[in-house]
Amino acid sequence: MQIELTVPKKAEGTLRLFIIDPDNFDGGRKQEVFIGDKSMGTFDKFQEGRWVEARVTGDMTTEGKLMIKATNRAGKGNAVISIIEWVAKQER
């Protein structure tokens, strides 16, 4: 699964993803999540759902886009992202 998220150019903030495996697909998914080329980690045992967060810097959003990718590392089936939230950094 790959998603292109549009954000303001050179924006900073937090990307929040909610991953869930409600059907316990074939004994459970083992999912790796990427922002661009950077791995946020590999997650398993998320049948109840889990929030995953990453800080996003201006150099990651130069073009005003973030690529989000999820891959099921268990070898078969799909990957799941249920909710995507962008929380912009607040200027003081």
C-alpha atoms as a PDB file:
ATOM      1  CA  MET A   1       0.000   0.000   0.000  1.00  0.00           C
ATOM      2  CA  GLN A   2       1.336   3.448  -0.887  1.00  0.00           C
ATOM      3  CA  ILE A   3      -0.290   6.799  -0.142  1.00  0.00           C
ATOM      4  CA  GLU A   4       0.805  10.274  -1.217  1.00  0.00           C
ATOM      5  CA  LEU A   5      -0.190  12.865   1.390  1.00  0.00           C
ATOM      6  CA  THR A   6      -0.240  16.534   0.373  1.00  0.00           C
ATOM      7  CA  VAL A   7       1.046  18.948   3.039  1.00  0.00           C
ATOM      8  CA  PRO A   8       2.291  22.549   2.925  1.00  0.00           C
ATOM      9  CA  LYS A   9       5.739  22.873   1.329  1.00  0.00           C
ATOM     10  CA  LYS A  10       8.591  22.688   3.858  1.00  0.00           C
ATOM     11  CA  ALA A  11       6.060  22.016   6.637  1.00  0.00           C
ATOM     12  CA  GLU A  12       7.098  20.531   9.970  1.00  0.00           C
ATOM     13  CA  GLY A  13       4.877  18.521  12.233  1.00  0.00           C
ATOM     14  CA  THR A  14       3.834  15.056  13.328  1.00  0.00           C
ATOM     15  CA  LEU A  15       2.425  12.296  11.173  1.00  0.00           C
ATOM     16  CA  ARG A  16       0.092   9.951  13.064  1.00  0.00           C
ATOM     17  CA  LEU A  17      -1.039   6.636  11.598  1.00  0.00           C
ATOM     18  CA  PHE A  18      -3.540   4.210  13.094  1.00  0.00           C
ATOM     19  CA  ILE A  19      -2.842   0.625  12.084  1.00  0.00           C
ATOM     20  CA  ILE A  20      -5.223  -2.206  12.893  1.00  0.00           C
ATOM     21  CA  ASP A  21      -5.584  -5.900  12.086  1.00  0.00           C
ATOM     22  CA  PRO A  22      -9.214  -6.474  13.121  1.00  0.00           C
ATOM     23  CA  ASP A  23      -9.563  -9.810  11.319  1.00  0.00           C
ATOM     24  CA  ASN A  24      -6.269 -11.263  12.647  1.00  0.00           C
ATOM     25  CA  PHE A  25      -5.352 -12.004   9.032  1.00  0.00           C
ATOM     26  CA  ASP A  26      -3.767 -15.477   8.701  1.00  0.00           C
ATOM     27  CA  GLY A  27      -2.530 -15.410  12.290  1.00  0.00           C
ATOM     28  CA  GLY A  28      -1.701 -11.714  12.232  1.00  0.00           C
ATOM     29  CA  ARG A  29       0.053  -9.187  10.089  1.00  0.00           C
ATOM     30  CA  LYS A  30       3.650  -8.087  10.542  1.00  0.00           C
ATOM     31  CA  GLN A  31       3.706  -4.668   8.949  1.00  0.00           C
ATOM     32  CA  GLU A  32       6.572  -2.291   8.136  1.00  0.00           C
ATOM     33  CA  VAL A  33       5.666   1.368   7.697  1.00  0.00           C
ATOM     34  CA  PHE A  34       7.763   3.934   5.781  1.00  0.00           C
ATOM     35  CA  ILE A  35       7.669   7.699   5.395  1.00  0.00           C
ATOM     36  CA  GLY A  36       9.519   8.271   2.166  1.00  0.00           C
ATOM     37  CA  ASP A  37      12.551   5.970   2.401  1.00  0.00           C
ATOM     38  CA  LYS A  38      12.694   6.058   6.213  1.00  0.00           C
ATOM     39  CA  SER A  39      11.276   3.075   8.109  1.00  0.00           C
ATOM     40  CA  MET A  40       9.094   3.844  11.127  1.00  0.00           C
ATOM     41  CA  GLY A  41       9.589   0.229  12.201  1.00  0.00           C
ATOM     42  CA  THR A  42       7.967  -3.172  11.903  1.00  0.00           C
ATOM     43  CA  PHE A  43       4.816  -3.791  13.928  1.00  0.00           C
ATOM     44  CA  ASP A  44       2.921  -6.911  14.881  1.00  0.00           C
ATOM     45  CA  LYS A  45       0.191  -7.815  17.379  1.00  0.00           C
ATOM     46  CA  PHE A  46      -1.964  -4.793  16.555  1.00  0.00           C
ATOM     47  CA  GLN A  47      -5.354  -6.526  16.470  1.00  0.00           C
ATOM     48  CA  GLU A  48      -6.740  -3.917  18.889  1.00  0.00           C
ATOM     49  CA  GLY A  49      -5.226  -1.098  16.846  1.00  0.00           C
ATOM     50  CA  ARG A  50      -2.165   1.022  17.465  1.00  0.00           C
ATOM     51  CA  TRP A  51      -1.113   4.623  16.842  1.00  0.00           C
ATOM     52  CA  VAL A  52       2.303   5.138  15.252  1.00  0.00           C
ATOM     53  CA  GLU A  53       3.838   8.632  15.244  1.00  0.00           C
ATOM     54  CA  ALA A  54       6.769  10.224  13.450  1.00  0.00           C
ATOM     55  CA  ARG A  55       8.213  13.726  13.480  1.00  0.00           C
ATOM     56  CA  VAL A  56       8.349  15.305  10.051  1.00  0.00           C
ATOM     57  CA  THR A  57      10.926  17.953   9.186  1.00  0.00           C
ATOM     58  CA  GLY A  58      10.863  20.622   6.488  1.00  0.00           C
ATOM     59  CA  ASP A  59      13.430  18.777   4.382  1.00  0.00           C
ATOM     60  CA  MET A  60      11.009  15.824   4.166  1.00  0.00           C
ATOM     61  CA  THR A  61       8.215  18.042   2.761  1.00  0.00           C
ATOM     62  CA  THR A  62      10.182  20.215   0.313  1.00  0.00           C
ATOM     63  CA  GLU A  63       7.778  19.362  -2.512  1.00  0.00           C
ATOM     64  CA  GLY A  64       4.652  19.528  -0.327  1.00  0.00           C
ATOM     65  CA  LYS A  65       4.169  15.767  -0.334  1.00  0.00           C
ATOM     66  CA  LEU A  66       4.824  12.842   2.000  1.00  0.00           C
ATOM     67  CA  MET A  67       4.934   9.296   0.678  1.00  0.00           C
ATOM     68  CA  ILE A  68       3.579   6.754   3.151  1.00  0.00           C
ATOM     69  CA  LYS A  69       4.092   3.081   2.450  1.00  0.00           C
ATOM     70  CA  ALA A  70       3.042  -0.032   4.369  1.00  0.00           C
ATOM     71  CA  THR A  71       4.235  -3.536   3.553  1.00  0.00           C
ATOM     72  CA  ASN A  72       3.080  -6.798   5.125  1.00  0.00           C
ATOM     73  CA  ARG A  73       6.315  -8.567   6.122  1.00  0.00           C
ATOM     74  CA  ALA A  74       4.471 -11.780   7.040  1.00  0.00           C
ATOM     75  CA  GLY A  75       4.801 -12.722   3.383  1.00  0.00           C
ATOM     76  CA  LYS A  76       1.203 -12.803   2.242  1.00  0.00           C
ATOM     77  CA  GLY A  77      -1.827 -10.582   2.364  1.00  0.00           C
ATOM     78  CA  ASN A  78      -2.125  -6.854   2.440  1.00  0.00           C
ATOM     79  CA  ALA A  79      -1.002  -4.082   4.759  1.00  0.00           C
ATOM     80  CA  VAL A  80      -3.400  -1.833   6.640  1.00  0.00           C
ATOM     81  CA  ILE A  81      -3.446   1.850   7.614  1.00  0.00           C
ATOM     82  CA  SER A  82      -6.865   2.931   8.877  1.00  0.00           C
ATOM     83  CA  ILE A  83      -6.384   6.602   9.809  1.00  0.00           C
ATOM     84  CA  ILE A  84      -3.805   9.230   8.798  1.00  0.00           C
ATOM     85  CA  GLU A  85      -3.483  12.481  10.751  1.00  0.00           C
ATOM     86  CA  TRP A  86      -1.204  15.414  10.002  1.00  0.00           C
ATOM     87  CA  VAL A  87      -0.519  17.665  13.001  1.00  0.00           C
ATOM     88  CA  ALA A  88       1.291  20.837  11.890  1.00  0.00           C
ATOM     89  CA  LYS A  89       3.971  22.278  14.125  1.00  0.00           C
ATOM     90  CA  GLN A  90       2.572  25.297  15.966  1.00  0.00           C
ATOM     91  CA  GLU A  91       4.536  28.521  15.583  1.00  0.00           C
ATOM     92  CA  ARG A  92       5.013  30.491  18.796  1.00  0.00           C
END
